[in-house]
Amino acid sequence: MKFLITNDDGYDAPGLAALYQALQPFGEVTVVAPATCHSSKGHAVDTKQPIRVTRKLVEPFGRIHVVHSSPADCIRVGLKHVLQDAPDFVVAGINPGANLGVDLYYSGTAAAAREAALLGVPAFAVSRYLMGDRPIDWPKLRQQVSRLMGTMLAREFHPPGGHFWNVNFPAIPGDVYPDRVTIVPHGTEPHAVRFSVLETGDDSELLGYTAAYRERGKSGSCDVSHLFDEHITATLVGPQTSVLGDFRPHSQVSLVSLPLPN
């Protein structure tokens, strides 16, 4: 099995190294990642300016391609320039910070997976929710991502054309994660957007964003609610809708809980 991976935090972020190590047991992993952080920059691509690509020797990957552009451009470059043949999967992450609900419209992690889906390659975006008193134990999270992929790389979970899986891990004390992944719809409730004035001048103001992530809106059944209830969530995201769509591993239910291997 062959993988192309990227992220939106830059090639030297610990989440990318953890993702690489999580996928190595399943096959060959190629890294094409951004030179700098593009968090919350959405699905931007550059079609007006040349894109510089640097070949770089980086541990633990070996030689990788570093793209001086966005995560979506990394996928374009990886699929259309670096690789001779399409990989079996594209995986973006592991992002330190959840990507839930309306986050998917401006998440660089989700944009990379979406770009792969648009170009016909099955994809995953993988993130982990952040809480200040629960730092990420990257080796433990790497093991959990590998465990989840052991389930979701199976053919029965291959996303339909143009779709990708958006996966989020909760922030749990001791990183003792659930032994199941819950397939849930995508939430559409907005964030509780709020600003404070930090400085004022004659013709301008300096604003600081003050809304708390956990104060965002949520319904009882969406990915936001389930992630905040400390479930591992997976949402099937498509070009027109971000719900379960036609994917029904158990057609009688809309929410599916799948056991993960030990």
C-alpha atoms as a PDB file:
ATOM      1  CA  MET A   1       0.000   0.000   0.000  1.00  0.00           C
ATOM      2  CA  LYS A   2       1.277   3.490  -0.855  1.00  0.00           C
ATOM      3  CA  PHE A   3       0.547   6.749   0.976  1.00  0.00           C
ATOM      4  CA  LEU A   4       1.127  10.437   0.328  1.00  0.00           C
ATOM      5  CA  ILE A   5       1.083  12.520   3.513  1.00  0.00           C
ATOM      6  CA  THR A   6       1.142  16.219   4.314  1.00  0.00           C
ATOM      7  CA  ASN A   7      -0.038  18.648   7.003  1.00  0.00           C
ATOM      8  CA  ASP A   8      -0.767  22.343   7.518  1.00  0.00           C
ATOM      9  CA  ASP A   9       1.759  22.976  10.307  1.00  0.00           C
ATOM     10  CA  GLY A  10       4.946  22.620   8.286  1.00  0.00           C
ATOM     11  CA  TYR A  11       7.245  19.722   7.476  1.00  0.00           C
ATOM     12  CA  ASP A  12       9.026  19.907  10.854  1.00  0.00           C
ATOM     13  CA  ALA A  13       5.868  19.583  13.006  1.00  0.00           C
ATOM     14  CA  PRO A  14       5.735  16.603  15.411  1.00  0.00           C
ATOM     15  CA  GLY A  15       2.312  15.553  14.141  1.00  0.00           C
ATOM     16  CA  LEU A  16       3.664  14.843  10.657  1.00  0.00           C
ATOM     17  CA  ALA A  17       6.439  12.653  12.072  1.00  0.00           C
ATOM     18  CA  ALA A  18       3.872  10.794  14.206  1.00  0.00           C
ATOM     19  CA  LEU A  19       1.640  10.250  11.161  1.00  0.00           C
ATOM     20  CA  TYR A  20       4.569   8.943   9.128  1.00  0.00           C
ATOM     21  CA  GLN A  21       5.455   6.439  11.850  1.00  0.00           C
ATOM     22  CA  ALA A  22       1.798   5.409  12.278  1.00  0.00           C
ATOM     23  CA  LEU A  23       1.473   4.538   8.579  1.00  0.00           C
ATOM     24  CA  GLN A  24       4.822   2.817   8.034  1.00  0.00           C
ATOM     25  CA  PRO A  25       3.507  -0.624   9.115  1.00  0.00           C
ATOM     26  CA  PHE A  26       0.976  -0.460   6.262  1.00  0.00           C
ATOM     27  CA  GLY A  27       3.295   0.363   3.378  1.00  0.00           C
ATOM     28  CA  GLU A  28       5.380   3.028   1.619  1.00  0.00           C
ATOM     29  CA  VAL A  29       4.956   6.630   2.789  1.00  0.00           C
ATOM     30  CA  THR A  30       5.907   9.682   0.691  1.00  0.00           C
ATOM     31  CA  VAL A  31       6.058  13.109   2.359  1.00  0.00           C
ATOM     32  CA  VAL A  32       5.222  16.333   0.498  1.00  0.00           C
ATOM     33  CA  ALA A  33       4.672  19.022   3.116  1.00  0.00           C
ATOM     34  CA  PRO A  34       4.591  22.827   3.405  1.00  0.00           C
ATOM     35  CA  ALA A  35       7.682  24.812   4.298  1.00  0.00           C
ATOM     36  CA  THR A  36       5.840  26.867   6.925  1.00  0.00           C
ATOM     37  CA  CYS A  37       2.623  26.773   8.949  1.00  0.00           C
ATOM     38  CA  HIS A  38      -0.629  27.299   7.006  1.00  0.00           C
ATOM     39  CA  SER A  39      -3.073  26.606   9.832  1.00  0.00           C
ATOM     40  CA  SER A  40      -6.602  27.957   9.218  1.00  0.00           C
ATOM     41  CA  LYS A  41      -5.641  29.153   5.724  1.00  0.00           C
ATOM     42  CA  GLY A  42      -8.281  26.994   4.042  1.00  0.00           C
ATOM     43  CA  HIS A  43      -8.148  25.635   0.518  1.00  0.00           C
ATOM     44  CA  ALA A  44      -5.895  28.256  -1.027  1.00  0.00           C
ATOM     45  CA  VAL A  45      -3.850  27.301  -4.089  1.00  0.00           C
ATOM     46  CA  ASP A  46      -1.374  29.372  -6.087  1.00  0.00           C
ATOM     47  CA  THR A  47      -1.921  29.447  -9.847  1.00  0.00           C
ATOM     48  CA  LYS A  48      -0.363  32.879 -10.483  1.00  0.00           C
ATOM     49  CA  GLN A  49       3.152  32.485  -9.073  1.00  0.00           C
ATOM     50  CA  PRO A  50       5.772  29.742  -9.457  1.00  0.00           C
ATOM     51  CA  ILE A  51       5.919  27.281  -6.569  1.00  0.00           C
ATOM     52  CA  ARG A  52       9.339  26.398  -5.184  1.00  0.00           C
ATOM     53  CA  VAL A  53       9.851  22.765  -4.174  1.00  0.00           C
ATOM     54  CA  THR A  54      12.910  21.821  -2.117  1.00  0.00           C
ATOM     55  CA  ARG A  55      14.228  18.282  -1.658  1.00  0.00           C
ATOM     56  CA  LYS A  56      15.381  17.927   1.918  1.00  0.00           C
ATOM     57  CA  LEU A  57      16.767  15.162   4.162  1.00  0.00           C
ATOM     58  CA  VAL A  58      14.687  15.224   7.354  1.00  0.00           C
ATOM     59  CA  GLU A  59      14.417  12.735  10.214  1.00  0.00           C
ATOM     60  CA  PRO A  60      12.525  10.472  10.633  1.00  0.00           C
ATOM     61  CA  PHE A  61      11.359  10.574   7.013  1.00  0.00           C
ATOM     62  CA  GLY A  62      14.525  10.493   4.967  1.00  0.00           C
ATOM     63  CA  ARG A  63      14.325  12.604   1.811  1.00  0.00           C
ATOM     64  CA  ILE A  64      11.105  14.585   1.448  1.00  0.00           C
ATOM     65  CA  HIS A  65       9.703  17.333  -0.766  1.00  0.00           C
ATOM     66  CA  VAL A  66       9.112  20.676   0.947  1.00  0.00           C
ATOM     67  CA  VAL A  67       6.636  22.916  -0.887  1.00  0.00           C
ATOM     68  CA  HIS A  68       6.701  26.684  -0.401  1.00  0.00           C
ATOM     69  CA  SER A  69       2.937  26.942  -0.653  1.00  0.00           C
ATOM     70  CA  SER A  70      -0.317  25.708   0.890  1.00  0.00           C
ATOM     71  CA  PRO A  71      -1.350  22.187   1.987  1.00  0.00           C
ATOM     72  CA  ALA A  72      -3.674  21.885  -1.023  1.00  0.00           C
ATOM     73  CA  ASP A  73      -0.777  22.819  -3.298  1.00  0.00           C
ATOM     74  CA  CYS A  74       1.329  20.163  -1.561  1.00  0.00           C
ATOM     75  CA  ILE A  75      -1.217  17.567  -2.665  1.00  0.00           C
ATOM     76  CA  ARG A  76      -1.323  18.948  -6.204  1.00  0.00           C
ATOM     77  CA  VAL A  77       2.464  18.856  -6.411  1.00  0.00           C
ATOM     78  CA  GLY A  78       2.648  15.424  -4.814  1.00  0.00           C
ATOM     79  CA  LEU A  79       0.029  13.789  -7.037  1.00  0.00           C
ATOM     80  CA  LYS A  80       0.822  15.565 -10.298  1.00  0.00           C
ATOM     81  CA  HIS A  81       4.600  16.062 -10.104  1.00  0.00           C
ATOM     82  CA  VAL A  82       6.408  14.050  -7.416  1.00  0.00           C
ATOM     83  CA  LEU A  83       4.697  10.653  -7.736  1.00  0.00           C
ATOM     84  CA  GLN A  84       4.653   8.713 -10.975  1.00  0.00           C
ATOM     85  CA  ASP A  85       1.566   6.738  -9.965  1.00  0.00           C
ATOM     86  CA  ALA A  86      -1.313   7.679  -7.704  1.00  0.00           C
ATOM     87  CA  PRO A  87      -1.015   6.440  -4.112  1.00  0.00           C
ATOM     88  CA  ASP A  88      -3.658   4.283  -2.503  1.00  0.00           C
ATOM     89  CA  PHE A  89      -4.417   6.997   0.063  1.00  0.00           C
ATOM     90  CA  VAL A  90      -3.588  10.578   0.985  1.00  0.00           C
ATOM     91  CA  VAL A  91      -3.484  11.354   4.718  1.00  0.00           C
ATOM     92  CA  ALA A  92      -3.175  14.863   6.199  1.00  0.00           C
ATOM     93  CA  GLY A  93      -2.180  15.513   9.820  1.00  0.00           C
ATOM     94  CA  ILE A  94      -1.783  14.787  12.606  1.00  0.00           C
ATOM     95  CA  ASN A  95      -3.096  18.256  13.421  1.00  0.00           C
ATOM     96  CA  PRO A  96      -2.679  19.535  17.006  1.00  0.00           C
ATOM     97  CA  GLY A  97      -6.182  20.927  17.381  1.00  0.00           C
ATOM     98  CA  ALA A  98      -9.564  19.532  16.361  1.00  0.00           C
ATOM     99  CA  ASN A  99     -11.082  20.130  12.938  1.00  0.00           C
ATOM    100  CA  LEU A 100     -14.833  19.829  13.453  1.00  0.00           C
ATOM    101  CA  GLY A 101     -18.010  21.163  11.912  1.00  0.00           C
ATOM    102  CA  VAL A 102     -17.481  24.493  10.186  1.00  0.00           C
ATOM    103  CA  ASP A 103     -13.719  24.252  10.831  1.00  0.00           C
ATOM    104  CA  LEU A 104     -13.598  22.204   7.643  1.00  0.00           C
ATOM    105  CA  TYR A 105     -14.194  25.336   5.572  1.00  0.00           C
ATOM    106  CA  TYR A 106     -10.944  26.938   6.713  1.00  0.00           C
ATOM    107  CA  SER A 107      -8.836  24.019   7.895  1.00  0.00           C
ATOM    108  CA  GLY A 108      -5.638  23.513   5.916  1.00  0.00           C
ATOM    109  CA  THR A 109      -5.578  19.891   7.080  1.00  0.00           C
ATOM    110  CA  ALA A 110      -9.052  19.239   5.702  1.00  0.00           C
ATOM    111  CA  ALA A 111      -8.219  21.163   2.515  1.00  0.00           C
ATOM    112  CA  ALA A 112      -5.336  18.802   1.759  1.00  0.00           C
ATOM    113  CA  ALA A 113      -7.614  15.770   2.101  1.00  0.00           C
ATOM    114  CA  ARG A 114     -10.347  17.479   0.080  1.00  0.00           C
ATOM    115  CA  GLU A 115      -7.902  18.301  -2.728  1.00  0.00           C
ATOM    116  CA  ALA A 116      -6.859  14.653  -2.899  1.00  0.00           C
ATOM    117  CA  ALA A 117     -10.519  13.583  -3.044  1.00  0.00           C
ATOM    118  CA  LEU A 118     -11.189  16.064  -5.851  1.00  0.00           C
ATOM    119  CA  LEU A 119      -8.254  14.566  -7.754  1.00  0.00           C
ATOM    120  CA  GLY A 120      -9.653  11.075  -7.324  1.00  0.00           C
ATOM    121  CA  VAL A 121      -7.558   9.691  -4.445  1.00  0.00           C
ATOM    122  CA  PRO A 122      -9.174   8.411  -1.203  1.00  0.00           C
ATOM    123  CA  ALA A 123      -8.086  10.559   1.708  1.00  0.00           C
ATOM    124  CA  PHE A 124      -8.123  11.125   5.462  1.00  0.00           C
ATOM    125  CA  ALA A 125      -7.692  14.260   7.566  1.00  0.00           C
ATOM    126  CA  VAL A 126      -6.559  13.406  11.111  1.00  0.00           C
ATOM    127  CA  SER A 127      -6.606  15.794  14.095  1.00  0.00           C
ATOM    128  CA  ARG A 128      -6.453  15.738  17.878  1.00  0.00           C
ATOM    129  CA  TYR A 129      -8.403  18.145  20.079  1.00  0.00           C
ATOM    130  CA  LEU A 130      -6.295  20.372  22.343  1.00  0.00           C
ATOM    131  CA  MET A 131      -6.918  21.197  25.988  1.00  0.00           C
ATOM    132  CA  GLY A 132      -4.366  23.162  27.982  1.00  0.00           C
ATOM    133  CA  ASP A 133      -4.062  20.647  30.811  1.00  0.00           C
ATOM    134  CA  ARG A 134      -3.942  17.628  28.499  1.00  0.00           C
ATOM    135  CA  PRO A 135      -0.853  17.828  26.287  1.00  0.00           C
ATOM    136  CA  ILE A 136      -0.413  15.426  23.395  1.00  0.00           C
ATOM    137  CA  ASP A 137       1.622  12.300  24.051  1.00  0.00           C
ATOM    138  CA  TRP A 138       2.763  11.848  20.445  1.00  0.00           C
ATOM    139  CA  PRO A 139       3.972   8.213  20.773  1.00  0.00           C
ATOM    140  CA  LYS A 140       0.607   7.190  22.283  1.00  0.00           C
ATOM    141  CA  LEU A 141      -1.350   9.119  19.671  1.00  0.00           C
ATOM    142  CA  ARG A 142       0.756   7.583  16.914  1.00  0.00           C
ATOM    143  CA  GLN A 143      -0.210   4.121  18.167  1.00  0.00           C
ATOM    144  CA  GLN A 144      -3.886   5.101  18.211  1.00  0.00           C
ATOM    145  CA  VAL A 145      -3.773   6.465  14.666  1.00  0.00           C
ATOM    146  CA  SER A 146      -2.121   3.250  13.506  1.00  0.00           C
ATOM    147  CA  ARG A 147      -4.825   1.237  15.276  1.00  0.00           C
ATOM    148  CA  LEU A 148      -7.603   3.295  13.673  1.00  0.00           C
ATOM    149  CA  MET A 149      -6.049   2.978  10.222  1.00  0.00           C
ATOM    150  CA  GLY A 150      -5.907  -0.774  10.702  1.00  0.00           C
ATOM    151  CA  THR A 151      -9.716  -0.645  10.658  1.00  0.00           C
ATOM    152  CA  MET A 152     -10.505   2.174   8.222  1.00  0.00           C
ATOM    153  CA  LEU A 153      -8.108   1.233   5.429  1.00  0.00           C
ATOM    154  CA  ALA A 154     -10.286  -1.824   4.769  1.00  0.00           C
ATOM    155  CA  ARG A 155     -12.103  -1.742   1.432  1.00  0.00           C
ATOM    156  CA  GLU A 156     -15.536  -1.492   3.044  1.00  0.00           C
ATOM    157  CA  PHE A 157     -14.580   1.951   4.390  1.00  0.00           C
ATOM    158  CA  HIS A 158     -13.101   3.367   1.179  1.00  0.00           C
ATOM    159  CA  PRO A 159     -14.845   6.723   0.689  1.00  0.00           C
ATOM    160  CA  PRO A 160     -16.944   7.284  -2.435  1.00  0.00           C
ATOM    161  CA  GLY A 161     -15.409   9.375  -5.211  1.00  0.00           C
ATOM    162  CA  GLY A 162     -14.853  12.993  -4.200  1.00  0.00           C
ATOM    163  CA  HIS A 163     -15.214  12.247  -0.472  1.00  0.00           C
ATOM    164  CA  PHE A 164     -12.739  12.006   2.387  1.00  0.00           C
ATOM    165  CA  TRP A 165     -12.788  10.905   6.019  1.00  0.00           C
ATOM    166  CA  ASN A 166     -12.351  13.571   8.664  1.00  0.00           C
ATOM    167  CA  VAL A 167     -11.087  11.937  11.876  1.00  0.00           C
ATOM    168  CA  ASN A 168     -10.741  13.603  15.283  1.00  0.00           C
ATOM    169  CA  PHE A 169      -9.255  12.259  18.497  1.00  0.00           C
ATOM    170  CA  PRO A 170     -10.423  13.704  21.827  1.00  0.00           C
ATOM    171  CA  ALA A 171      -8.192  15.156  24.553  1.00  0.00           C
ATOM    172  CA  ILE A 172      -8.320  12.548  27.287  1.00  0.00           C
ATOM    173  CA  PRO A 173      -6.281  12.460  30.519  1.00  0.00           C
ATOM    174  CA  GLY A 174      -3.359  10.107  30.056  1.00  0.00           C
ATOM    175  CA  ASP A 175      -4.294   9.713  26.382  1.00  0.00           C
ATOM    176  CA  VAL A 176      -6.281   6.562  27.234  1.00  0.00           C
ATOM    177  CA  TYR A 177      -8.381   6.641  24.080  1.00  0.00           C
ATOM    178  CA  PRO A 178     -11.687   4.837  23.456  1.00  0.00           C
ATOM    179  CA  ASP A 179     -11.590   1.417  21.849  1.00  0.00           C
ATOM    180  CA  ARG A 180     -14.172   2.440  19.248  1.00  0.00           C
ATOM    181  CA  VAL A 181     -14.516   5.023  16.491  1.00  0.00           C
ATOM    182  CA  THR A 182     -17.929   6.662  16.038  1.00  0.00           C
ATOM    183  CA  ILE A 183     -19.052   7.628  12.529  1.00  0.00           C
ATOM    184  CA  VAL A 184     -21.052  10.825  12.852  1.00  0.00           C
ATOM    185  CA  PRO A 185     -22.522  13.639  10.727  1.00  0.00           C
ATOM    186  CA  HIS A 186     -20.750  16.936  10.252  1.00  0.00           C
ATOM    187  CA  GLY A 187     -21.920  19.837  12.416  1.00  0.00           C
ATOM    188  CA  THR A 188     -22.892  23.127  10.793  1.00  0.00           C
ATOM    189  CA  GLU A 189     -23.382  25.336  13.846  1.00  0.00           C
ATOM    190  CA  PRO A 190     -21.157  28.473  13.862  1.00  0.00           C
ATOM    191  CA  HIS A 191     -18.425  29.363  16.284  1.00  0.00           C
ATOM    192  CA  ALA A 192     -19.151  31.826  19.088  1.00  0.00           C
ATOM    193  CA  VAL A 193     -17.153  34.562  17.341  1.00  0.00           C
ATOM    194  CA  ARG A 194     -16.113  37.385  19.672  1.00  0.00           C
ATOM    195  CA  PHE A 195     -13.459  40.134  19.673  1.00  0.00           C
ATOM    196  CA  SER A 196     -11.979  42.558  22.171  1.00  0.00           C
ATOM    197  CA  VAL A 197     -10.298  45.890  21.398  1.00  0.00           C
ATOM    198  CA  LEU A 198      -6.603  45.716  22.293  1.00  0.00           C
ATOM    199  CA  GLU A 199      -5.510  49.101  20.983  1.00  0.00           C
ATOM    200  CA  THR A 200      -7.191  52.144  19.474  1.00  0.00           C
ATOM    201  CA  GLY A 201      -5.796  54.877  17.283  1.00  0.00           C
ATOM    202  CA  ASP A 202      -7.102  57.831  15.338  1.00  0.00           C
ATOM    203  CA  ASP A 203      -8.085  55.723  12.336  1.00  0.00           C
ATOM    204  CA  SER A 204      -7.738  52.130  13.440  1.00  0.00           C
ATOM    205  CA  GLU A 205      -8.323  49.479  16.099  1.00  0.00           C
ATOM    206  CA  LEU A 206      -6.341  46.384  17.003  1.00  0.00           C
ATOM    207  CA  LEU A 207      -8.691  43.474  17.692  1.00  0.00           C
ATOM    208  CA  GLY A 208      -8.033  40.263  19.587  1.00  0.00           C
ATOM    209  CA  TYR A 209     -10.115  37.124  19.038  1.00  0.00           C
ATOM    210  CA  THR A 210     -11.534  36.064  22.404  1.00  0.00           C
ATOM    211  CA  ALA A 211     -14.092  33.316  21.689  1.00  0.00           C
ATOM    212  CA  ALA A 212     -13.391  29.930  23.306  1.00  0.00           C
ATOM    213  CA  TYR A 213     -13.376  26.886  21.019  1.00  0.00           C
ATOM    214  CA  ARG A 214     -15.501  24.847  23.407  1.00  0.00           C
ATOM    215  CA  GLU A 215     -18.247  27.495  23.396  1.00  0.00           C
ATOM    216  CA  ARG A 216     -19.075  26.774  19.756  1.00  0.00           C
ATOM    217  CA  GLY A 217     -22.571  25.687  18.762  1.00  0.00           C
ATOM    218  CA  LYS A 218     -23.366  22.001  18.428  1.00  0.00           C
ATOM    219  CA  SER A 219     -26.293  19.677  17.905  1.00  0.00           C
ATOM    220  CA  GLY A 220     -26.769  16.505  19.900  1.00  0.00           C
ATOM    221  CA  SER A 221     -25.658  14.169  17.109  1.00  0.00           C
ATOM    222  CA  CYS A 222     -22.862  15.994  15.256  1.00  0.00           C
ATOM    223  CA  ASP A 223     -19.107  15.477  15.295  1.00  0.00           C
ATOM    224  CA  VAL A 224     -18.614  18.426  17.681  1.00  0.00           C
ATOM    225  CA  SER A 225     -20.852  16.920  20.355  1.00  0.00           C
ATOM    226  CA  HIS A 226     -19.346  13.447  20.120  1.00  0.00           C
ATOM    227  CA  LEU A 227     -15.771  14.698  20.167  1.00  0.00           C
ATOM    228  CA  PHE A 228     -16.471  16.875  23.220  1.00  0.00           C
ATOM    229  CA  ASP A 229     -17.952  13.745  24.844  1.00  0.00           C
ATOM    230  CA  GLU A 230     -14.500  12.150  24.366  1.00  0.00           C
ATOM    231  CA  HIS A 231     -15.291   9.861  21.437  1.00  0.00           C
ATOM    232  CA  ILE A 232     -13.012   9.269  18.476  1.00  0.00           C
ATOM    233  CA  THR A 233     -15.070  10.571  15.559  1.00  0.00           C
ATOM    234  CA  ALA A 234     -15.001   9.973  11.819  1.00  0.00           C
ATOM    235  CA  THR A 235     -17.098  12.000   9.394  1.00  0.00           C
ATOM    236  CA  LEU A 236     -17.497  11.338   5.693  1.00  0.00           C
ATOM    237  CA  VAL A 237     -17.097  14.671   3.896  1.00  0.00           C
ATOM    238  CA  GLY A 238     -18.186  15.186   0.298  1.00  0.00           C
ATOM    239  CA  PRO A 239     -18.238  17.951  -2.308  1.00  0.00           C
ATOM    240  CA  GLN A 240     -21.848  18.990  -1.639  1.00  0.00           C
ATOM    241  CA  THR A 241     -22.592  17.718   1.826  1.00  0.00           C
ATOM    242  CA  SER A 242     -20.650  16.817   4.944  1.00  0.00           C
ATOM    243  CA  VAL A 243     -22.825  14.100   6.419  1.00  0.00           C
ATOM    244  CA  LEU A 244     -22.769  10.336   6.067  1.00  0.00           C
ATOM    245  CA  GLY A 245     -23.965  10.596   2.465  1.00  0.00           C
ATOM    246  CA  ASP A 246     -24.353   7.185   0.792  1.00  0.00           C
ATOM    247  CA  PHE A 247     -22.005   5.455   3.238  1.00  0.00           C
ATOM    248  CA  ARG A 248     -23.998   3.035   5.367  1.00  0.00           C
ATOM    249  CA  PRO A 249     -21.980   0.186   6.859  1.00  0.00           C
ATOM    250  CA  HIS A 250     -25.159  -0.577   8.856  1.00  0.00           C
ATOM    251  CA  SER A 251     -28.042   0.852   6.862  1.00  0.00           C
ATOM    252  CA  GLN A 252     -30.517   0.910   9.739  1.00  0.00           C
ATOM    253  CA  VAL A 253     -28.600   3.525  11.734  1.00  0.00           C
ATOM    254  CA  SER A 254     -27.141   6.941  11.045  1.00  0.00           C
ATOM    255  CA  LEU A 255     -24.531   6.810  13.812  1.00  0.00           C
ATOM    256  CA  VAL A 256     -22.126   3.875  13.724  1.00  0.00           C
ATOM    257  CA  SER A 257     -19.710   2.784  16.436  1.00  0.00           C
ATOM    258  CA  LEU A 258     -16.897   0.552  15.175  1.00  0.00           C
ATOM    259  CA  PRO A 259     -14.579  -1.448  17.430  1.00  0.00           C
ATOM    260  CA  LEU A 260     -10.849  -0.876  16.963  1.00  0.00           C
ATOM    261  CA  PRO A 261      -8.268  -3.675  17.191  1.00  0.00           C
ATOM    262  CA  ASN A 262      -6.086  -3.986  20.287  1.00  0.00           C
END
